[in-house]
Amino acid sequence: MSVLAAVRGRHNRNLWYWLFVGPFVLGLLIFVYIPVVWSVYLSFFDARNTVTPTRFVGLGNYAYLVGDRAFLTSMGTFAVFAIFNRSAMGHQRRLSPQHVRFCPETVRSPPVSPRD
């Protein structure tokens, strides 16, 4: 069966599937998965300002991070923000204008409150 016959036939959906999904999968692989795997690989080396691994340090970079006060402070700040953001997202209904008694204009939005 030729490619033209496969394109014309309605029973061969795999070809159409890969024609539409293939570029997305290729882009996801090239621009997301390969850089993430390469970054994890580089994290075990002493590679400064380069994408070429130089000297293997193993878990030394991670040990350095755990001992760095600035990193631990930023992780604490991030954890507080993530917990607050998660709890705020869970309580969106409580922030509607009908439930807010103090400063209701701070949470009022036109789709929620049509009193104008």
N, C-alpha and C. Protein backbone atom coordinates (compact mmCIF):
# COMPACT_ATOMS: atom_id res chain seq x y z
N MET A 1 0.85 -1.18 0.00
CA MET A 1 0.00 0.00 0.00
C MET A 1 0.89 1.24 0.00
N SER A 2 0.61 2.16 -0.88
CA SER A 2 1.41 3.37 -0.96
C SER A 2 0.95 4.37 0.09
N VAL A 3 1.75 5.40 0.30
CA VAL A 3 1.41 6.43 1.27
C VAL A 3 0.15 7.17 0.84
N LEU A 4 0.01 7.42 -0.44
CA LEU A 4 -1.17 8.13 -0.95
C LEU A 4 -2.43 7.32 -0.68
N ALA A 5 -2.36 6.02 -0.87
CA ALA A 5 -3.53 5.18 -0.60
C ALA A 5 -3.83 5.15 0.90
N ALA A 6 -2.81 5.19 1.72
CA ALA A 6 -3.02 5.20 3.17
C ALA A 6 -3.65 6.51 3.61
N VAL A 7 -3.27 7.62 3.00
CA VAL A 7 -3.84 8.91 3.35
C VAL A 7 -5.29 8.98 2.92
N ARG A 8 -5.60 8.43 1.76
CA ARG A 8 -6.98 8.47 1.25
C ARG A 8 -7.90 7.53 2.02
N GLY A 9 -7.37 6.42 2.51
CA GLY A 9 -8.20 5.44 3.21
C GLY A 9 -8.63 5.95 4.57
N ARG A 10 -9.85 5.60 4.96
CA ARG A 10 -10.33 6.07 6.27
C ARG A 10 -10.07 5.05 7.37
N HIS A 11 -9.57 3.88 7.02
CA HIS A 11 -9.31 2.85 8.01
C HIS A 11 -7.93 2.99 8.65
N ASN A 12 -7.04 3.72 8.01
CA ASN A 12 -5.69 3.86 8.54
C ASN A 12 -5.59 5.16 9.34
N ARG A 13 -5.98 5.09 10.58
CA ARG A 13 -5.98 6.29 11.43
C ARG A 13 -4.63 6.52 12.09
N ASN A 14 -3.77 5.50 12.14
CA ASN A 14 -2.46 5.67 12.75
C ASN A 14 -1.63 6.72 12.03
N LEU A 15 -1.71 6.74 10.71
CA LEU A 15 -0.95 7.73 9.95
C LEU A 15 -1.39 9.14 10.30
N TRP A 16 -2.70 9.38 10.33
CA TRP A 16 -3.20 10.71 10.67
C TRP A 16 -2.86 11.06 12.11
N TYR A 17 -2.94 10.08 12.98
CA TYR A 17 -2.60 10.31 14.39
C TYR A 17 -1.16 10.81 14.51
N TRP A 18 -0.24 10.11 13.88
CA TRP A 18 1.17 10.50 14.00
C TRP A 18 1.49 11.77 13.22
N LEU A 19 0.73 12.07 12.19
CA LEU A 19 0.94 13.34 11.49
C LEU A 19 0.57 14.53 12.37
N PHE A 20 -0.45 14.39 13.19
CA PHE A 20 -0.86 15.48 14.08
C PHE A 20 -0.13 15.47 15.41
N VAL A 21 0.08 14.29 15.98
CA VAL A 21 0.68 14.20 17.31
C VAL A 21 2.20 14.17 17.25
N GLY A 22 2.76 13.71 16.14
CA GLY A 22 4.21 13.58 16.01
C GLY A 22 4.99 14.85 16.27
N PRO A 23 4.62 15.99 15.67
CA PRO A 23 5.37 17.22 15.95
C PRO A 23 5.31 17.64 17.41
N PHE A 24 4.16 17.42 18.05
CA PHE A 24 4.05 17.75 19.47
C PHE A 24 4.98 16.87 20.30
N VAL A 25 4.97 15.58 20.04
CA VAL A 25 5.81 14.64 20.79
C VAL A 25 7.29 14.96 20.55
N LEU A 26 7.63 15.26 19.32
CA LEU A 26 9.02 15.61 19.00
C LEU A 26 9.45 16.88 19.73
N GLY A 27 8.59 17.91 19.71
CA GLY A 27 8.91 19.15 20.42
C GLY A 27 9.00 18.95 21.91
N LEU A 28 8.09 18.15 22.47
CA LEU A 28 8.13 17.86 23.90
C LEU A 28 9.42 17.14 24.28
N LEU A 29 9.82 16.22 23.44
CA LEU A 29 11.05 15.49 23.69
C LEU A 29 12.27 16.41 23.61
N ILE A 30 12.33 17.22 22.55
CA ILE A 30 13.51 18.07 22.33
C ILE A 30 13.59 19.22 23.33
N PHE A 31 12.46 19.86 23.61
CA PHE A 31 12.49 21.08 24.41
C PHE A 31 12.17 20.89 25.89
N VAL A 32 11.68 19.70 26.30
CA VAL A 32 11.36 19.49 27.71
C VAL A 32 12.14 18.31 28.29
N TYR A 33 11.92 17.12 27.75
CA TYR A 33 12.48 15.94 28.40
C TYR A 33 14.00 15.85 28.29
N ILE A 34 14.55 16.10 27.14
CA ILE A 34 16.01 16.03 27.00
C ILE A 34 16.71 17.08 27.87
N PRO A 35 16.26 18.35 27.91
CA PRO A 35 16.92 19.30 28.81
C PRO A 35 16.80 18.94 30.29
N VAL A 36 15.66 18.38 30.71
CA VAL A 36 15.51 18.00 32.11
C VAL A 36 16.46 16.86 32.45
N VAL A 37 16.52 15.84 31.62
CA VAL A 37 17.43 14.72 31.87
C VAL A 37 18.88 15.19 31.84
N TRP A 38 19.23 16.08 30.90
CA TRP A 38 20.59 16.60 30.82
C TRP A 38 20.94 17.42 32.05
N SER A 39 19.99 18.19 32.57
CA SER A 39 20.24 18.98 33.78
C SER A 39 20.47 18.10 34.99
N VAL A 40 19.69 17.04 35.11
CA VAL A 40 19.91 16.11 36.22
C VAL A 40 21.29 15.45 36.08
N TYR A 41 21.65 15.09 34.88
CA TYR A 41 22.97 14.50 34.63
C TYR A 41 24.08 15.50 34.99
N LEU A 42 23.94 16.75 34.57
CA LEU A 42 24.97 17.77 34.87
C LEU A 42 25.05 18.10 36.35
N SER A 43 23.97 17.87 37.10
CA SER A 43 23.99 18.21 38.52
C SER A 43 24.96 17.34 39.31
N PHE A 44 25.40 16.24 38.73
CA PHE A 44 26.38 15.38 39.40
C PHE A 44 27.82 15.74 39.02
N PHE A 45 28.00 16.81 38.26
CA PHE A 45 29.34 17.24 37.84
C PHE A 45 29.61 18.66 38.30
N ASP A 46 30.86 19.04 38.28
CA ASP A 46 31.25 20.42 38.59
C ASP A 46 31.30 21.19 37.27
N ALA A 47 30.15 21.45 36.70
CA ALA A 47 30.05 22.14 35.42
C ALA A 47 29.58 23.56 35.68
N ARG A 48 30.48 24.50 35.62
CA ARG A 48 30.14 25.90 35.89
C ARG A 48 30.10 26.69 34.59
N ASN A 49 28.95 27.30 34.33
CA ASN A 49 28.74 28.12 33.12
C ASN A 49 29.03 27.36 31.83
N THR A 50 28.70 26.10 31.81
CA THR A 50 28.94 25.30 30.62
C THR A 50 27.91 24.18 30.56
N VAL A 51 27.77 23.58 29.41
CA VAL A 51 26.89 22.42 29.28
C VAL A 51 27.71 21.15 29.11
N THR A 52 29.02 21.27 29.32
CA THR A 52 29.92 20.14 29.21
C THR A 52 30.30 19.66 30.60
N PRO A 53 30.08 18.41 30.93
CA PRO A 53 30.49 17.93 32.25
C PRO A 53 32.01 17.94 32.39
N THR A 54 32.48 18.44 33.52
CA THR A 54 33.92 18.54 33.71
C THR A 54 34.42 17.51 34.72
N ARG A 55 34.17 17.73 35.99
CA ARG A 55 34.67 16.85 37.05
C ARG A 55 33.50 16.27 37.81
N PHE A 56 33.45 14.96 37.96
CA PHE A 56 32.36 14.29 38.67
C PHE A 56 32.46 14.57 40.16
N VAL A 57 31.36 15.07 40.76
CA VAL A 57 31.35 15.33 42.19
C VAL A 57 30.26 14.53 42.90
N GLY A 58 29.48 13.77 42.17
CA GLY A 58 28.45 12.94 42.78
C GLY A 58 27.37 13.77 43.44
N LEU A 59 27.07 13.45 44.69
CA LEU A 59 26.05 14.19 45.44
C LEU A 59 26.61 15.41 46.14
N GLY A 60 27.82 15.81 45.82
CA GLY A 60 28.44 16.96 46.47
C GLY A 60 27.67 18.26 46.25
N ASN A 61 27.13 18.46 45.07
CA ASN A 61 26.34 19.67 44.81
C ASN A 61 25.09 19.72 45.69
N TYR A 62 24.46 18.58 45.87
CA TYR A 62 23.26 18.53 46.70
C TYR A 62 23.61 18.70 48.17
N ALA A 63 24.73 18.16 48.62
CA ALA A 63 25.18 18.35 50.00
C ALA A 63 25.48 19.82 50.26
N TYR A 64 26.06 20.48 49.26
CA TYR A 64 26.33 21.91 49.39
C TYR A 64 25.03 22.71 49.54
N LEU A 65 24.01 22.35 48.78
CA LEU A 65 22.73 23.04 48.87
C LEU A 65 22.08 22.86 50.23
N VAL A 66 22.11 21.66 50.75
CA VAL A 66 21.48 21.40 52.05
C VAL A 66 22.19 22.17 53.15
N GLY A 67 23.47 22.43 53.00
CA GLY A 67 24.21 23.17 54.01
C GLY A 67 24.20 24.68 53.82
N ASP A 68 23.64 25.18 52.74
CA ASP A 68 23.63 26.61 52.45
C ASP A 68 22.41 27.27 53.09
N ARG A 69 22.66 28.28 53.96
CA ARG A 69 21.59 28.95 54.68
C ARG A 69 20.65 29.71 53.74
N ALA A 70 21.18 30.34 52.71
CA ALA A 70 20.34 31.08 51.78
C ALA A 70 19.38 30.15 51.04
N PHE A 71 19.85 28.98 50.66
CA PHE A 71 18.99 28.02 49.98
C PHE A 71 17.89 27.53 50.90
N LEU A 72 18.24 27.22 52.14
CA LEU A 72 17.23 26.74 53.09
C LEU A 72 16.19 27.82 53.38
N THR A 73 16.63 29.07 53.48
CA THR A 73 15.69 30.17 53.69
C THR A 73 14.74 30.32 52.51
N SER A 74 15.27 30.24 51.31
CA SER A 74 14.42 30.37 50.13
C SER A 74 13.46 29.19 50.02
N MET A 75 13.89 27.99 50.38
CA MET A 75 12.99 26.84 50.36
C MET A 75 11.88 26.98 51.40
N GLY A 76 12.20 27.56 52.55
CA GLY A 76 11.17 27.82 53.56
C GLY A 76 10.15 28.84 53.05
N THR A 77 10.64 29.89 52.41
CA THR A 77 9.74 30.89 51.83
C THR A 77 8.86 30.27 50.76
N PHE A 78 9.44 29.44 49.92
CA PHE A 78 8.68 28.77 48.87
C PHE A 78 7.62 27.84 49.49
N ALA A 79 7.98 27.12 50.54
CA ALA A 79 7.03 26.20 51.17
C ALA A 79 5.85 26.96 51.75
N VAL A 80 6.12 28.09 52.41
CA VAL A 80 5.03 28.90 52.96
C VAL A 80 4.14 29.42 51.83
N PHE A 81 4.74 29.90 50.76
CA PHE A 81 3.96 30.39 49.63
C PHE A 81 3.13 29.27 49.01
N ALA A 82 3.72 28.09 48.85
CA ALA A 82 2.99 26.98 48.23
C ALA A 82 1.83 26.53 49.11
N ILE A 83 2.04 26.48 50.41
CA ILE A 83 0.95 26.09 51.32
C ILE A 83 -0.14 27.13 51.32
N PHE A 84 0.23 28.42 51.38
CA PHE A 84 -0.78 29.49 51.38
C PHE A 84 -1.53 29.51 50.06
N ASN A 85 -0.83 29.38 48.96
CA ASN A 85 -1.46 29.41 47.65
C ASN A 85 -2.42 28.23 47.49
N ARG A 86 -2.02 27.07 47.96
CA ARG A 86 -2.88 25.89 47.87
C ARG A 86 -4.12 26.07 48.72
N SER A 87 -3.97 26.59 49.92
CA SER A 87 -5.14 26.77 50.78
C SER A 87 -6.04 27.88 50.25
N ALA A 88 -5.46 28.91 49.63
CA ALA A 88 -6.28 29.98 49.05
C ALA A 88 -7.06 29.46 47.86
N MET A 89 -6.45 28.57 47.07
CA MET A 89 -7.16 28.00 45.93
C MET A 89 -8.29 27.10 46.39
N GLY A 90 -8.12 26.45 47.51
CA GLY A 90 -9.15 25.57 48.02
C GLY A 90 -10.33 26.30 48.61
N HIS A 91 -10.13 27.56 48.98
CA HIS A 91 -11.18 28.34 49.62
C HIS A 91 -11.67 29.48 48.75
N GLN A 92 -11.72 29.29 47.46
CA GLN A 92 -12.16 30.36 46.57
C GLN A 92 -13.61 30.73 46.80
N ARG A 93 -14.43 29.77 47.14
CA ARG A 93 -15.84 30.09 47.37
C ARG A 93 -16.02 30.96 48.59
N ARG A 94 -15.16 30.80 49.56
CA ARG A 94 -15.26 31.64 50.76
C ARG A 94 -14.85 33.07 50.47
N LEU A 95 -14.13 33.30 49.38
CA LEU A 95 -13.71 34.65 49.04
C LEU A 95 -14.70 35.35 48.11
N SER A 96 -15.85 34.78 47.90
CA SER A 96 -16.84 35.45 47.06
C SER A 96 -17.41 36.64 47.83
N PRO A 97 -17.90 37.67 47.14
CA PRO A 97 -18.39 38.88 47.81
C PRO A 97 -19.53 38.62 48.78
N GLN A 98 -20.29 37.56 48.59
CA GLN A 98 -21.39 37.28 49.51
C GLN A 98 -20.88 36.83 50.89
N HIS A 99 -19.66 36.30 50.95
CA HIS A 99 -19.12 35.78 52.20
C HIS A 99 -18.12 36.71 52.87
N VAL A 100 -17.69 37.76 52.20
CA VAL A 100 -16.68 38.65 52.76
C VAL A 100 -17.37 39.84 53.41
N ARG A 101 -17.07 40.07 54.69
CA ARG A 101 -17.68 41.18 55.41
C ARG A 101 -16.71 42.35 55.55
N PHE A 102 -15.42 42.07 55.58
CA PHE A 102 -14.42 43.11 55.75
C PHE A 102 -13.78 43.41 54.40
N CYS A 103 -13.87 44.62 53.94
CA CYS A 103 -13.30 45.07 52.67
C CYS A 103 -13.81 44.23 51.49
N PRO A 104 -15.09 44.19 51.22
CA PRO A 104 -15.58 43.34 50.13
C PRO A 104 -15.13 43.81 48.75
N GLU A 105 -14.74 45.09 48.63
CA GLU A 105 -14.32 45.57 47.31
C GLU A 105 -13.00 44.95 46.86
N THR A 106 -12.26 44.34 47.77
CA THR A 106 -10.99 43.74 47.37
C THR A 106 -11.19 42.42 46.64
N VAL A 107 -12.32 41.76 46.84
CA VAL A 107 -12.55 40.49 46.17
C VAL A 107 -13.68 40.56 45.15
N ARG A 108 -14.23 41.72 44.95
CA ARG A 108 -15.36 41.86 44.03
C ARG A 108 -14.86 41.85 42.58
N SER A 109 -15.52 41.05 41.77
CA SER A 109 -15.20 41.04 40.34
C SER A 109 -16.51 41.02 39.57
N PRO A 110 -16.56 41.59 38.37
CA PRO A 110 -17.82 41.70 37.63
C PRO A 110 -18.54 40.36 37.36
N PRO A 111 -17.85 39.27 37.03
CA PRO A 111 -18.62 38.05 36.80
C PRO A 111 -19.27 37.48 38.05
N VAL A 112 -18.70 37.81 39.23
CA VAL A 112 -19.21 37.24 40.47
C VAL A 112 -20.32 38.09 41.06
N SER A 113 -20.14 39.42 41.02
CA SER A 113 -21.07 40.32 41.66
C SER A 113 -21.60 41.33 40.64
N PRO A 114 -22.84 41.17 40.15
CA PRO A 114 -23.34 42.05 39.09
C PRO A 114 -24.02 43.32 39.61
N ARG A 115 -23.77 43.77 40.83
CA ARG A 115 -24.44 44.96 41.35
C ARG A 115 -23.65 46.23 41.00
N ASP A 116 -23.99 46.84 39.91
CA ASP A 116 -23.35 48.09 39.50
C ASP A 116 -24.38 49.14 39.21
